[in-house]
């Protein structure tokens, strides 16, 4: 996804249903995570009956990271702890880190540091690079917004040609 398309998507935001679809979770999961403050929508939060949540592109990345951790077998409580650490130490761009999952332990690698986020557990070592999260979210957005994808193809074609030469 090009930067201009990402900026447009960020400005427009994503409804709760669209967000759940892009991230690959159920709307019920998304609603629960918002109500329990795991990830609150940063563009607009539901305030009463009939109001809608509106998620940003950064919210989508965070939600995809959470889904990846859960898919890797990390308990939701541990995901909350890991995410609290990521937000505190990495700020908004959590997708820049790599997570190393060892049993129930989550190690965070950014730059040259490797930090045990949960300080417990043992087991097999799995590496979960979060850089691919952005690509997965971008692909899901393009799949769900094909008209915008056609525009991006024409915009990014010259850049791709320039990259080859």
N, C-alpha and C. Protein backbone atom coordinates (compact mmCIF):
# COMPACT_ATOMS: atom_id res chain seq x y z
N UNK A 1 0.86 -1.16 0.00
CA UNK A 1 0.00 0.00 0.00
C UNK A 1 0.91 1.23 0.00
N UNK A 2 0.58 2.17 -0.86
CA UNK A 2 1.39 3.38 -0.94
C UNK A 2 1.10 4.28 0.25
N UNK A 3 2.02 5.21 0.50
CA UNK A 3 1.83 6.14 1.61
C UNK A 3 0.58 6.98 1.43
N UNK A 4 0.30 7.40 0.19
CA UNK A 4 -0.89 8.24 -0.04
C UNK A 4 -2.17 7.45 0.23
N UNK A 5 -2.20 6.19 -0.15
CA UNK A 5 -3.39 5.39 0.13
C UNK A 5 -3.54 5.16 1.63
N UNK A 6 -2.42 4.92 2.31
CA UNK A 6 -2.45 4.72 3.75
C UNK A 6 -2.96 5.99 4.43
N UNK A 7 -2.53 7.16 3.96
CA UNK A 7 -2.99 8.42 4.53
C UNK A 7 -4.49 8.62 4.31
N UNK A 8 -4.98 8.25 3.11
CA UNK A 8 -6.42 8.35 2.85
C UNK A 8 -7.21 7.43 3.76
N UNK A 9 -6.72 6.19 3.92
CA UNK A 9 -7.40 5.23 4.78
C UNK A 9 -7.39 5.72 6.23
N UNK A 10 -6.28 6.30 6.65
CA UNK A 10 -6.18 6.83 8.00
C UNK A 10 -7.19 7.95 8.22
N UNK A 11 -7.33 8.83 7.24
CA UNK A 11 -8.25 9.95 7.35
C UNK A 11 -9.70 9.47 7.38
N UNK A 12 -10.03 8.48 6.56
CA UNK A 12 -11.39 7.97 6.50
C UNK A 12 -11.74 7.12 7.72
N UNK A 13 -10.79 6.36 8.19
CA UNK A 13 -11.02 5.45 9.29
C UNK A 13 -11.76 4.20 8.83
N UNK A 14 -11.95 3.28 9.74
CA UNK A 14 -12.58 2.00 9.43
C UNK A 14 -13.65 1.72 10.47
N UNK A 15 -14.83 1.32 10.01
CA UNK A 15 -15.90 0.96 10.94
C UNK A 15 -15.50 -0.30 11.70
N UNK A 16 -16.22 -0.59 12.75
CA UNK A 16 -15.94 -1.78 13.54
C UNK A 16 -16.05 -3.05 12.71
N UNK A 17 -17.10 -3.14 11.93
CA UNK A 17 -17.28 -4.36 11.10
C UNK A 17 -16.16 -4.51 10.07
N UNK A 18 -15.80 -3.40 9.43
CA UNK A 18 -14.72 -3.44 8.43
C UNK A 18 -13.39 -3.78 9.10
N UNK A 19 -13.15 -3.21 10.28
CA UNK A 19 -11.92 -3.48 11.03
C UNK A 19 -11.81 -4.96 11.36
N UNK A 20 -12.89 -5.53 11.88
CA UNK A 20 -12.89 -6.96 12.22
C UNK A 20 -12.59 -7.80 10.99
N UNK A 21 -13.18 -7.44 9.87
CA UNK A 21 -12.97 -8.18 8.62
C UNK A 21 -11.52 -8.08 8.16
N UNK A 22 -10.94 -6.90 8.20
CA UNK A 22 -9.56 -6.69 7.76
C UNK A 22 -8.58 -7.45 8.66
N UNK A 23 -8.81 -7.38 9.97
CA UNK A 23 -7.89 -7.99 10.93
C UNK A 23 -8.06 -9.51 10.98
N UNK A 24 -9.25 -10.00 10.65
CA UNK A 24 -9.49 -11.44 10.68
C UNK A 24 -10.00 -11.94 12.01
N UNK A 25 -10.77 -11.09 12.70
CA UNK A 25 -11.37 -11.47 13.98
C UNK A 25 -12.88 -11.26 13.86
N UNK A 26 -13.60 -11.72 14.86
CA UNK A 26 -15.05 -11.50 14.84
C UNK A 26 -15.35 -10.10 15.39
N UNK A 27 -16.49 -9.59 15.03
CA UNK A 27 -16.91 -8.30 15.56
C UNK A 27 -17.07 -8.38 17.08
N UNK A 28 -17.50 -9.53 17.54
CA UNK A 28 -17.67 -9.73 18.99
C UNK A 28 -16.33 -9.62 19.72
N UNK A 29 -15.26 -10.20 19.14
CA UNK A 29 -13.92 -10.06 19.73
C UNK A 29 -13.52 -8.59 19.76
N UNK A 30 -13.70 -7.90 18.65
CA UNK A 30 -13.34 -6.50 18.54
C UNK A 30 -14.08 -5.67 19.60
N UNK A 31 -15.36 -5.92 19.74
CA UNK A 31 -16.17 -5.21 20.72
C UNK A 31 -15.65 -5.47 22.14
N UNK A 32 -15.34 -6.71 22.44
CA UNK A 32 -14.83 -7.06 23.77
C UNK A 32 -13.49 -6.37 24.03
N UNK A 33 -12.60 -6.40 23.05
CA UNK A 33 -11.29 -5.77 23.22
C UNK A 33 -11.43 -4.26 23.43
N UNK A 34 -12.41 -3.63 22.78
CA UNK A 34 -12.63 -2.20 22.97
C UNK A 34 -13.23 -1.93 24.35
N UNK A 35 -14.22 -2.72 24.75
CA UNK A 35 -14.86 -2.51 26.06
C UNK A 35 -13.91 -2.75 27.22
N UNK A 36 -12.91 -3.63 27.03
CA UNK A 36 -11.97 -3.95 28.10
C UNK A 36 -10.65 -3.17 27.95
N UNK A 37 -10.65 -2.18 27.08
CA UNK A 37 -9.51 -1.27 26.88
C UNK A 37 -8.24 -1.93 26.36
N UNK A 38 -8.36 -3.05 25.67
CA UNK A 38 -7.16 -3.62 25.04
C UNK A 38 -6.75 -2.73 23.87
N UNK A 39 -7.69 -2.46 22.97
CA UNK A 39 -7.48 -1.48 21.89
C UNK A 39 -8.78 -0.70 21.74
N UNK A 40 -8.72 0.57 22.03
CA UNK A 40 -9.86 1.46 21.83
C UNK A 40 -9.71 2.13 20.48
N UNK A 41 -10.80 2.35 19.78
CA UNK A 41 -10.71 3.04 18.49
C UNK A 41 -10.22 4.47 18.69
N UNK A 42 -9.22 4.87 17.94
CA UNK A 42 -8.61 6.18 18.18
C UNK A 42 -9.29 7.32 17.43
N UNK A 43 -10.10 7.01 16.41
CA UNK A 43 -10.75 8.09 15.67
C UNK A 43 -12.12 8.46 16.23
N UNK A 44 -12.89 7.48 16.64
CA UNK A 44 -14.20 7.74 17.25
C UNK A 44 -14.59 6.52 18.07
N UNK A 45 -15.01 6.78 19.28
CA UNK A 45 -15.40 5.69 20.16
C UNK A 45 -16.92 5.71 20.32
N UNK A 46 -17.51 4.55 20.49
CA UNK A 46 -18.96 4.46 20.67
C UNK A 46 -19.33 5.05 22.02
N UNK A 47 -20.21 6.02 21.99
CA UNK A 47 -20.68 6.67 23.21
C UNK A 47 -22.19 6.59 23.27
N UNK A 48 -22.70 5.41 23.53
CA UNK A 48 -24.14 5.25 23.64
C UNK A 48 -24.73 4.56 22.43
N UNK A 49 -26.02 4.33 22.49
CA UNK A 49 -26.74 3.63 21.46
C UNK A 49 -26.72 4.40 20.14
N UNK A 50 -26.41 3.70 19.06
CA UNK A 50 -26.43 4.29 17.74
C UNK A 50 -25.12 4.93 17.31
N UNK A 51 -24.18 5.14 18.23
CA UNK A 51 -22.90 5.71 17.83
C UNK A 51 -21.97 4.60 17.34
N UNK A 52 -21.00 4.99 16.53
CA UNK A 52 -20.12 4.00 15.91
C UNK A 52 -18.69 4.21 16.33
N UNK A 53 -17.98 3.10 16.39
CA UNK A 53 -16.53 3.17 16.61
C UNK A 53 -15.88 3.36 15.26
N UNK A 54 -14.79 4.12 15.25
CA UNK A 54 -14.04 4.35 14.03
C UNK A 54 -12.57 4.13 14.32
N UNK A 55 -11.99 3.12 13.66
CA UNK A 55 -10.61 2.71 13.93
C UNK A 55 -9.66 3.32 12.90
N UNK A 56 -8.46 3.65 13.35
CA UNK A 56 -7.42 4.17 12.47
C UNK A 56 -6.60 3.02 11.90
N UNK A 57 -5.75 3.35 10.96
CA UNK A 57 -4.84 2.36 10.37
C UNK A 57 -3.91 1.80 11.44
N UNK A 58 -3.41 2.65 12.33
CA UNK A 58 -2.55 2.20 13.42
C UNK A 58 -3.30 1.23 14.33
N UNK A 59 -4.58 1.50 14.58
CA UNK A 59 -5.40 0.58 15.37
C UNK A 59 -5.45 -0.80 14.70
N UNK A 60 -5.59 -0.80 13.37
CA UNK A 60 -5.63 -2.07 12.63
C UNK A 60 -4.35 -2.85 12.84
N UNK A 61 -3.21 -2.16 12.79
CA UNK A 61 -1.92 -2.83 12.99
C UNK A 61 -1.85 -3.44 14.39
N UNK A 62 -2.26 -2.67 15.38
CA UNK A 62 -2.24 -3.18 16.76
C UNK A 62 -3.15 -4.39 16.91
N UNK A 63 -4.33 -4.32 16.34
CA UNK A 63 -5.27 -5.44 16.43
C UNK A 63 -4.72 -6.69 15.74
N UNK A 64 -4.05 -6.50 14.62
CA UNK A 64 -3.46 -7.64 13.91
C UNK A 64 -2.33 -8.26 14.72
N UNK A 65 -1.55 -7.43 15.41
CA UNK A 65 -0.50 -7.95 16.28
C UNK A 65 -1.12 -8.78 17.40
N UNK A 66 -2.18 -8.27 17.99
CA UNK A 66 -2.87 -8.99 19.06
C UNK A 66 -3.38 -10.33 18.55
N UNK A 67 -4.00 -10.32 17.39
CA UNK A 67 -4.49 -11.57 16.82
C UNK A 67 -3.35 -12.55 16.58
N UNK A 68 -2.21 -12.04 16.09
CA UNK A 68 -1.04 -12.90 15.85
C UNK A 68 -0.54 -13.53 17.15
N UNK A 69 -0.52 -12.75 18.21
CA UNK A 69 -0.09 -13.29 19.50
C UNK A 69 -1.05 -14.37 19.99
N UNK A 70 -2.34 -14.11 19.88
CA UNK A 70 -3.33 -15.11 20.30
C UNK A 70 -3.22 -16.37 19.45
N UNK A 71 -3.02 -16.19 18.14
CA UNK A 71 -2.87 -17.34 17.25
C UNK A 71 -1.61 -18.15 17.58
N UNK A 72 -0.60 -17.48 18.16
CA UNK A 72 0.64 -18.16 18.54
C UNK A 72 0.51 -18.87 19.88
N UNK A 73 -0.68 -18.77 20.49
CA UNK A 73 -0.94 -19.51 21.73
C UNK A 73 -0.71 -18.71 23.00
N UNK A 74 -0.52 -17.41 22.88
CA UNK A 74 -0.34 -16.57 24.06
C UNK A 74 -1.72 -16.26 24.65
N UNK A 75 -1.84 -16.38 25.98
CA UNK A 75 -3.12 -16.10 26.64
C UNK A 75 -3.44 -14.61 26.53
N UNK A 76 -4.72 -14.28 26.54
CA UNK A 76 -5.15 -12.89 26.41
C UNK A 76 -4.57 -12.02 27.52
N UNK A 77 -4.52 -12.53 28.74
CA UNK A 77 -3.94 -11.76 29.85
C UNK A 77 -2.46 -11.43 29.57
N UNK A 78 -1.73 -12.38 29.03
CA UNK A 78 -0.32 -12.15 28.68
C UNK A 78 -0.20 -11.18 27.51
N UNK A 79 -1.14 -11.25 26.58
CA UNK A 79 -1.15 -10.31 25.45
C UNK A 79 -1.33 -8.89 25.98
N UNK A 80 -2.22 -8.74 26.95
CA UNK A 80 -2.44 -7.41 27.55
C UNK A 80 -1.15 -6.88 28.17
N UNK A 81 -0.43 -7.74 28.90
CA UNK A 81 0.83 -7.33 29.52
C UNK A 81 1.86 -6.96 28.46
N UNK A 82 1.96 -7.78 27.44
CA UNK A 82 2.93 -7.53 26.37
C UNK A 82 2.60 -6.22 25.66
N UNK A 83 1.33 -6.00 25.40
CA UNK A 83 0.93 -4.79 24.69
C UNK A 83 1.14 -3.55 25.54
N UNK A 84 0.93 -3.67 26.81
CA UNK A 84 1.19 -2.56 27.71
C UNK A 84 2.67 -2.17 27.62
N UNK A 85 3.53 -3.17 27.63
CA UNK A 85 4.97 -2.91 27.51
C UNK A 85 5.30 -2.29 26.15
N UNK A 86 4.75 -2.85 25.09
CA UNK A 86 5.02 -2.33 23.74
C UNK A 86 4.62 -0.87 23.62
N UNK A 87 3.44 -0.53 24.09
CA UNK A 87 2.97 0.85 24.01
C UNK A 87 3.85 1.79 24.83
N UNK A 88 4.24 1.33 26.00
CA UNK A 88 5.04 2.17 26.89
C UNK A 88 6.44 2.41 26.33
N UNK A 89 7.04 1.38 25.72
CA UNK A 89 8.43 1.48 25.29
C UNK A 89 8.62 1.77 23.80
N UNK A 90 7.63 1.46 22.98
CA UNK A 90 7.78 1.66 21.55
C UNK A 90 6.86 2.75 21.01
N UNK A 91 5.98 3.26 21.83
CA UNK A 91 5.07 4.30 21.38
C UNK A 91 4.01 3.74 20.45
N UNK A 92 3.70 4.50 19.42
CA UNK A 92 2.59 4.13 18.53
C UNK A 92 2.93 3.06 17.52
N UNK A 93 4.18 2.95 17.13
CA UNK A 93 4.51 2.02 16.04
C UNK A 93 4.97 0.67 16.57
N UNK A 94 4.03 -0.10 17.11
CA UNK A 94 4.37 -1.40 17.68
C UNK A 94 4.79 -2.40 16.61
N UNK A 95 4.43 -2.16 15.37
CA UNK A 95 4.77 -3.10 14.30
C UNK A 95 6.25 -3.03 13.91
N UNK A 96 7.02 -2.15 14.54
CA UNK A 96 8.45 -2.07 14.24
C UNK A 96 9.26 -3.09 15.03
N UNK A 97 8.65 -3.71 16.01
CA UNK A 97 9.37 -4.67 16.86
C UNK A 97 9.24 -6.08 16.31
N UNK A 98 10.06 -6.97 16.84
CA UNK A 98 9.90 -8.39 16.60
C UNK A 98 9.61 -9.02 17.95
N UNK A 99 8.70 -9.97 17.95
CA UNK A 99 8.40 -10.68 19.18
C UNK A 99 8.95 -12.09 19.07
N UNK A 100 9.59 -12.54 20.12
CA UNK A 100 10.06 -13.91 20.22
C UNK A 100 9.18 -14.58 21.25
N UNK A 101 8.53 -15.65 20.83
CA UNK A 101 7.59 -16.34 21.71
C UNK A 101 8.21 -17.65 22.14
N UNK A 102 8.34 -17.82 23.44
CA UNK A 102 8.93 -19.04 23.99
C UNK A 102 7.95 -19.58 25.01
N UNK A 103 7.15 -20.56 24.57
CA UNK A 103 6.10 -21.06 25.45
C UNK A 103 5.13 -19.94 25.77
N UNK A 104 4.97 -19.63 27.05
CA UNK A 104 4.08 -18.54 27.45
C UNK A 104 4.80 -17.22 27.64
N UNK A 105 6.08 -17.15 27.25
CA UNK A 105 6.86 -15.93 27.42
C UNK A 105 6.94 -15.17 26.11
N UNK A 106 6.86 -13.86 26.21
CA UNK A 106 7.00 -13.01 25.04
C UNK A 106 8.22 -12.13 25.25
N UNK A 107 9.18 -12.25 24.33
CA UNK A 107 10.37 -11.40 24.34
C UNK A 107 10.20 -10.37 23.24
N UNK A 108 10.55 -9.13 23.51
CA UNK A 108 10.43 -8.07 22.53
C UNK A 108 11.83 -7.70 22.07
N UNK A 109 12.00 -7.68 20.76
CA UNK A 109 13.28 -7.29 20.17
C UNK A 109 13.05 -6.04 19.33
N UNK A 110 13.73 -4.97 19.71
CA UNK A 110 13.73 -3.76 18.90
C UNK A 110 15.14 -3.20 18.95
N UNK A 111 15.64 -2.76 17.82
CA UNK A 111 17.03 -2.36 17.70
C UNK A 111 17.91 -3.53 18.13
N UNK A 112 18.70 -3.35 19.20
CA UNK A 112 19.60 -4.42 19.62
C UNK A 112 19.19 -5.02 20.97
N UNK A 113 18.06 -4.60 21.51
CA UNK A 113 17.61 -5.09 22.81
C UNK A 113 16.69 -6.28 22.64
N UNK A 114 16.76 -7.21 23.59
CA UNK A 114 15.83 -8.33 23.67
C UNK A 114 15.34 -8.37 25.11
N UNK A 115 14.05 -8.09 25.31
CA UNK A 115 13.51 -7.93 26.65
C UNK A 115 12.41 -8.97 26.88
N UNK A 116 12.47 -9.65 28.04
CA UNK A 116 11.42 -10.58 28.44
C UNK A 116 10.26 -9.77 29.01
N UNK A 117 9.16 -9.72 28.26
CA UNK A 117 8.02 -8.90 28.65
C UNK A 117 7.25 -9.50 29.82
N UNK A 118 7.08 -10.78 29.81
CA UNK A 118 6.24 -11.42 30.81
C UNK A 118 7.03 -12.06 31.94
N UNK A 119 8.33 -12.31 31.72
CA UNK A 119 9.22 -12.88 32.74
C UNK A 119 8.71 -14.20 33.32
N UNK A 120 8.24 -15.09 32.45
CA UNK A 120 7.81 -16.40 32.92
C UNK A 120 7.75 -17.39 31.76
N UNK A 121 7.66 -18.69 32.06
CA UNK A 121 7.43 -19.72 31.06
C UNK A 121 8.69 -20.21 30.37
N UNK A 122 8.58 -21.38 29.77
CA UNK A 122 9.64 -21.97 28.98
C UNK A 122 8.99 -22.72 27.84
N UNK A 123 9.78 -23.11 26.88
CA UNK A 123 9.24 -23.90 25.78
C UNK A 123 9.99 -23.66 24.50
N UNK A 124 9.35 -23.97 23.40
CA UNK A 124 9.95 -23.87 22.09
C UNK A 124 10.04 -22.39 21.70
N UNK A 125 11.10 -22.05 21.01
CA UNK A 125 11.33 -20.67 20.58
C UNK A 125 10.72 -20.45 19.20
N UNK A 126 9.80 -19.49 19.11
CA UNK A 126 9.18 -19.10 17.84
C UNK A 126 9.42 -17.62 17.64
N UNK A 127 9.78 -17.21 16.43
CA UNK A 127 9.96 -15.79 16.14
C UNK A 127 8.74 -15.32 15.36
N UNK A 128 8.15 -14.24 15.81
CA UNK A 128 6.97 -13.66 15.17
C UNK A 128 7.33 -12.24 14.73
N UNK A 129 7.81 -12.07 13.48
CA UNK A 129 8.16 -10.72 13.02
C UNK A 129 6.90 -9.91 12.76
N UNK A 130 6.85 -8.71 13.32
CA UNK A 130 5.65 -7.90 13.22
C UNK A 130 5.65 -7.02 11.99
N UNK A 131 6.77 -6.93 11.29
CA UNK A 131 6.83 -6.14 10.07
C UNK A 131 5.84 -6.65 9.03
N UNK A 132 5.59 -7.94 9.00
CA UNK A 132 4.65 -8.52 8.06
C UNK A 132 3.20 -8.17 8.37
N UNK A 133 2.94 -7.72 9.58
CA UNK A 133 1.58 -7.34 9.97
C UNK A 133 1.08 -6.22 9.07
N UNK A 134 1.95 -5.23 8.82
CA UNK A 134 1.56 -4.10 7.97
C UNK A 134 1.19 -4.61 6.57
N UNK A 135 1.97 -5.53 6.01
CA UNK A 135 1.68 -6.07 4.69
C UNK A 135 0.35 -6.82 4.67
N UNK A 136 0.06 -7.59 5.73
CA UNK A 136 -1.20 -8.32 5.80
C UNK A 136 -2.39 -7.38 5.87
N UNK A 137 -2.28 -6.33 6.68
CA UNK A 137 -3.37 -5.37 6.80
C UNK A 137 -3.57 -4.64 5.48
N UNK A 138 -2.46 -4.21 4.84
CA UNK A 138 -2.54 -3.52 3.55
C UNK A 138 -3.22 -4.40 2.51
N UNK A 139 -2.86 -5.69 2.47
CA UNK A 139 -3.46 -6.60 1.50
C UNK A 139 -4.95 -6.76 1.74
N UNK A 140 -5.35 -6.84 3.00
CA UNK A 140 -6.77 -6.98 3.32
C UNK A 140 -7.55 -5.71 2.93
N UNK A 141 -6.93 -4.54 3.12
CA UNK A 141 -7.58 -3.29 2.74
C UNK A 141 -7.76 -3.25 1.22
N UNK A 142 -6.72 -3.60 0.49
CA UNK A 142 -6.78 -3.59 -0.97
C UNK A 142 -7.85 -4.57 -1.46
N UNK A 143 -7.93 -5.74 -0.82
CA UNK A 143 -8.92 -6.73 -1.20
C UNK A 143 -10.34 -6.21 -0.98
N UNK A 144 -10.54 -5.45 0.09
CA UNK A 144 -11.87 -4.95 0.42
C UNK A 144 -12.19 -3.64 -0.26
N UNK A 145 -11.20 -2.95 -0.80
CA UNK A 145 -11.40 -1.69 -1.51
C UNK A 145 -10.74 -1.78 -2.88
N UNK A 146 -11.28 -2.59 -3.80
CA UNK A 146 -10.61 -2.82 -5.09
C UNK A 146 -10.48 -1.58 -5.96
N UNK A 147 -11.40 -0.64 -5.88
CA UNK A 147 -11.31 0.56 -6.71
C UNK A 147 -10.07 1.36 -6.33
N UNK A 148 -9.83 1.53 -5.05
CA UNK A 148 -8.65 2.25 -4.59
C UNK A 148 -7.38 1.51 -4.99
N UNK A 149 -7.44 0.18 -5.02
CA UNK A 149 -6.27 -0.61 -5.39
C UNK A 149 -5.89 -0.36 -6.85
N UNK A 150 -6.89 -0.18 -7.73
CA UNK A 150 -6.60 0.10 -9.13
C UNK A 150 -5.89 1.44 -9.28
N UNK A 151 -6.30 2.43 -8.52
CA UNK A 151 -5.65 3.73 -8.55
C UNK A 151 -4.21 3.60 -8.09
N UNK A 152 -3.98 2.85 -7.01
CA UNK A 152 -2.63 2.68 -6.49
C UNK A 152 -1.73 1.95 -7.47
N UNK A 153 -2.28 1.03 -8.25
CA UNK A 153 -1.48 0.30 -9.22
C UNK A 153 -0.89 1.26 -10.25
N UNK A 154 -1.69 2.21 -10.70
CA UNK A 154 -1.18 3.15 -11.68
C UNK A 154 -0.19 4.13 -11.06
N UNK A 155 -0.38 4.46 -9.80
CA UNK A 155 0.53 5.38 -9.13
C UNK A 155 1.86 4.70 -8.82
N UNK A 156 1.81 3.46 -8.34
CA UNK A 156 3.03 2.81 -7.91
C UNK A 156 3.80 2.13 -9.03
N UNK A 157 3.21 2.00 -10.24
CA UNK A 157 3.91 1.33 -11.34
C UNK A 157 5.20 2.05 -11.73
N UNK A 158 5.21 3.39 -11.89
CA UNK A 158 6.46 4.03 -12.24
C UNK A 158 7.52 3.89 -11.15
N UNK A 159 7.09 3.93 -9.89
CA UNK A 159 8.06 3.79 -8.80
C UNK A 159 8.69 2.41 -8.84
N UNK A 160 7.87 1.38 -9.12
CA UNK A 160 8.40 0.02 -9.19
C UNK A 160 9.38 -0.11 -10.33
N UNK A 161 9.08 0.53 -11.46
CA UNK A 161 9.99 0.49 -12.61
C UNK A 161 11.29 1.20 -12.27
N UNK A 162 11.19 2.31 -11.54
CA UNK A 162 12.38 3.06 -11.15
C UNK A 162 13.23 2.26 -10.19
N UNK A 163 12.61 1.45 -9.36
CA UNK A 163 13.34 0.66 -8.38
C UNK A 163 14.18 -0.42 -9.06
N UNK A 164 13.70 -0.88 -10.22
CA UNK A 164 14.42 -1.94 -10.92
C UNK A 164 15.67 -1.39 -11.61
N UNK A 165 15.59 -0.14 -12.08
CA UNK A 165 16.70 0.42 -12.85
C UNK A 165 17.64 1.06 -11.96
